[in-house]
Amino acid sequence: MRELGSSQPTAVELEILRILWDLGPSTVRDVHLRLCEGKETNYSTTVKMLAVMLTKGLVKRDDSVRPLVYRAAMTRERAARSFLTDLIEKIYDGSAMALALQALAKGKASREEIEEARRLLDKMEEKQ
């Protein structure tokens, strides 16, 4: 469960961030229309979600234009690093290798991904 006051996005907030990463700076209407493609939601809910995300620092708002324009406050890559770091610390006791092994053990890695993992392991071994 998410901690109160956490700056980590909820599932819905993450969905909105994905929309902003895909579309770039967008109005509430743009975000709402994209959200409605996946499920029915009220416009006022979209407005409220963006307001909460603004308070949490997940989005930024351009107040100099009308209608207001929102953009993601972090890149997709930075968000991914943050989630991954959190996951590694909380679930795998700080061991990135344990996470990697767990992911590979699921058997869904392509041949190219396995080869890339092998190259990375070889490179790590050379440094020791």
Protein backbone atom coordinates (compact mmCIF):
# COMPACT_ATOMS: atom_id res chain seq x y z
CA MET A 1 0.00 0.00 0.00
CA ARG A 2 1.22 3.50 -0.84
CA GLU A 3 2.47 5.65 2.01
CA LEU A 4 0.48 8.77 2.84
CA GLY A 5 2.15 11.80 1.32
CA SER A 6 4.24 9.67 -1.01
CA SER A 7 5.39 11.31 -4.22
CA GLN A 8 5.24 7.94 -6.01
CA PRO A 9 2.36 7.99 -8.49
CA THR A 10 -0.70 5.80 -8.00
CA ALA A 11 -1.87 3.58 -10.87
CA VAL A 12 -4.22 6.30 -12.20
CA GLU A 13 -1.55 8.98 -11.84
CA LEU A 14 0.88 6.77 -13.72
CA GLU A 15 -1.70 6.38 -16.49
CA ILE A 16 -1.96 10.18 -16.72
CA LEU A 17 1.83 10.49 -16.77
CA ARG A 18 1.96 7.99 -19.65
CA ILE A 19 -0.53 10.14 -21.55
CA LEU A 20 1.56 13.27 -20.93
CA TRP A 21 4.76 11.46 -21.98
CA ASP A 22 3.05 10.34 -25.19
CA LEU A 23 1.28 13.60 -26.04
CA GLY A 24 3.66 16.12 -24.50
CA PRO A 25 2.23 19.26 -22.83
CA SER A 26 -1.57 18.91 -22.90
CA THR A 27 -4.79 20.48 -21.73
CA VAL A 28 -7.10 18.77 -19.26
CA ARG A 29 -9.42 18.04 -22.18
CA ASP A 30 -6.65 16.28 -24.12
CA VAL A 31 -5.76 14.15 -21.10
CA HIS A 32 -9.42 13.41 -20.36
CA LEU A 33 -10.15 12.30 -23.94
CA ARG A 34 -7.19 9.89 -23.82
CA LEU A 35 -8.27 8.55 -20.41
CA CYS A 36 -11.78 7.91 -21.76
CA GLU A 37 -10.38 5.65 -24.48
CA GLY A 38 -9.64 3.01 -21.84
CA LYS A 39 -12.51 3.55 -19.44
CA GLU A 40 -15.35 5.89 -18.65
CA THR A 41 -14.34 8.74 -16.35
CA ASN A 42 -15.75 12.13 -15.40
CA TYR A 43 -14.08 15.30 -16.61
CA SER A 44 -14.13 16.64 -13.03
CA THR A 45 -12.20 13.57 -11.89
CA THR A 46 -9.49 14.28 -14.46
CA VAL A 47 -9.29 17.90 -13.24
CA LYS A 48 -9.02 16.71 -9.62
CA MET A 49 -6.38 14.09 -10.46
CA LEU A 50 -4.22 16.68 -12.24
CA ALA A 51 -4.61 19.06 -9.25
CA VAL A 52 -3.47 16.32 -6.86
CA MET A 53 -0.56 15.46 -9.17
CA LEU A 54 0.42 19.14 -9.28
CA THR A 55 0.49 19.23 -5.47
CA LYS A 56 2.61 16.06 -5.39
CA GLY A 57 5.03 17.55 -7.92
CA LEU A 58 4.28 14.91 -10.56
CA VAL A 59 3.11 17.46 -13.13
CA LYS A 60 3.77 21.10 -13.87
CA ARG A 61 1.19 23.59 -15.10
CA ASP A 62 1.57 26.57 -17.41
CA ASP A 63 -0.66 29.24 -15.84
CA SER A 64 0.21 31.81 -18.52
CA VAL A 65 -2.06 30.23 -21.16
CA ARG A 66 -5.75 29.36 -21.36
CA PRO A 67 -6.77 26.62 -21.31
CA LEU A 68 -4.19 25.55 -18.76
CA VAL A 69 -1.51 23.20 -20.07
CA TYR A 70 0.00 20.38 -18.01
CA ARG A 71 3.22 18.47 -18.57
CA ALA A 72 4.96 15.64 -16.77
CA ALA A 73 7.43 16.91 -14.17
CA MET A 74 9.74 13.95 -14.77
CA THR A 75 10.79 11.95 -17.78
CA ARG A 76 9.64 8.40 -18.33
CA GLU A 77 13.24 7.26 -17.75
CA ARG A 78 13.53 9.08 -14.42
CA ALA A 79 10.21 7.64 -13.26
CA ALA A 80 11.34 4.15 -14.27
CA ARG A 81 14.61 4.54 -12.33
CA SER A 82 12.73 5.75 -9.28
CA PHE A 83 10.26 2.84 -9.36
CA LEU A 84 13.01 0.34 -9.99
CA THR A 85 15.16 1.68 -7.16
CA ASP A 86 12.15 1.52 -4.84
CA LEU A 87 11.35 -2.03 -5.94
CA ILE A 88 14.94 -3.22 -5.52
CA GLU A 89 15.18 -1.70 -2.03
CA LYS A 90 11.79 -2.84 -0.73
CA ILE A 91 11.44 -6.28 -2.30
CA TYR A 92 14.97 -7.47 -3.10
CA ASP A 93 16.86 -5.99 -0.12
CA GLY A 94 18.91 -3.74 -2.39
CA SER A 95 20.05 -6.53 -4.74
CA ALA A 96 19.57 -5.56 -8.39
CA MET A 97 20.93 -8.95 -9.38
CA ALA A 98 18.16 -10.72 -7.46
CA LEU A 99 15.61 -8.70 -9.43
CA ALA A 100 17.34 -9.49 -12.73
CA LEU A 101 17.50 -13.21 -11.94
CA GLN A 102 13.84 -13.25 -10.94
CA ALA A 103 12.87 -11.50 -14.19
CA LEU A 104 14.93 -13.87 -16.32
CA ALA A 105 13.61 -16.92 -14.47
CA LYS A 106 10.09 -16.05 -15.63
CA GLY A 107 11.19 -17.30 -19.06
CA LYS A 108 9.77 -14.40 -21.05
CA ALA A 109 13.11 -12.99 -22.15
CA SER A 110 13.81 -13.00 -25.87
CA ARG A 111 17.01 -14.47 -27.29
CA GLU A 112 18.32 -10.92 -27.81
CA GLU A 113 17.55 -9.97 -24.21
CA ILE A 114 19.32 -13.05 -22.89
CA GLU A 115 22.36 -12.25 -25.05
CA GLU A 116 22.34 -8.67 -23.78
CA ALA A 117 22.18 -9.95 -20.18
CA ARG A 118 25.09 -12.28 -20.91
CA ARG A 119 27.16 -9.38 -22.32
CA LEU A 120 26.37 -7.27 -19.26
CA LEU A 121 27.39 -10.10 -16.92
CA ASP A 122 30.64 -10.60 -18.88
CA LYS A 123 31.37 -6.88 -18.62
CA MET A 124 30.69 -6.93 -14.87
CA GLU A 125 32.92 -9.95 -14.43
CA GLU A 126 35.79 -8.21 -16.26
CA LYS A 127 35.63 -5.32 -13.77
CA GLN A 128 36.13 -7.60 -10.76
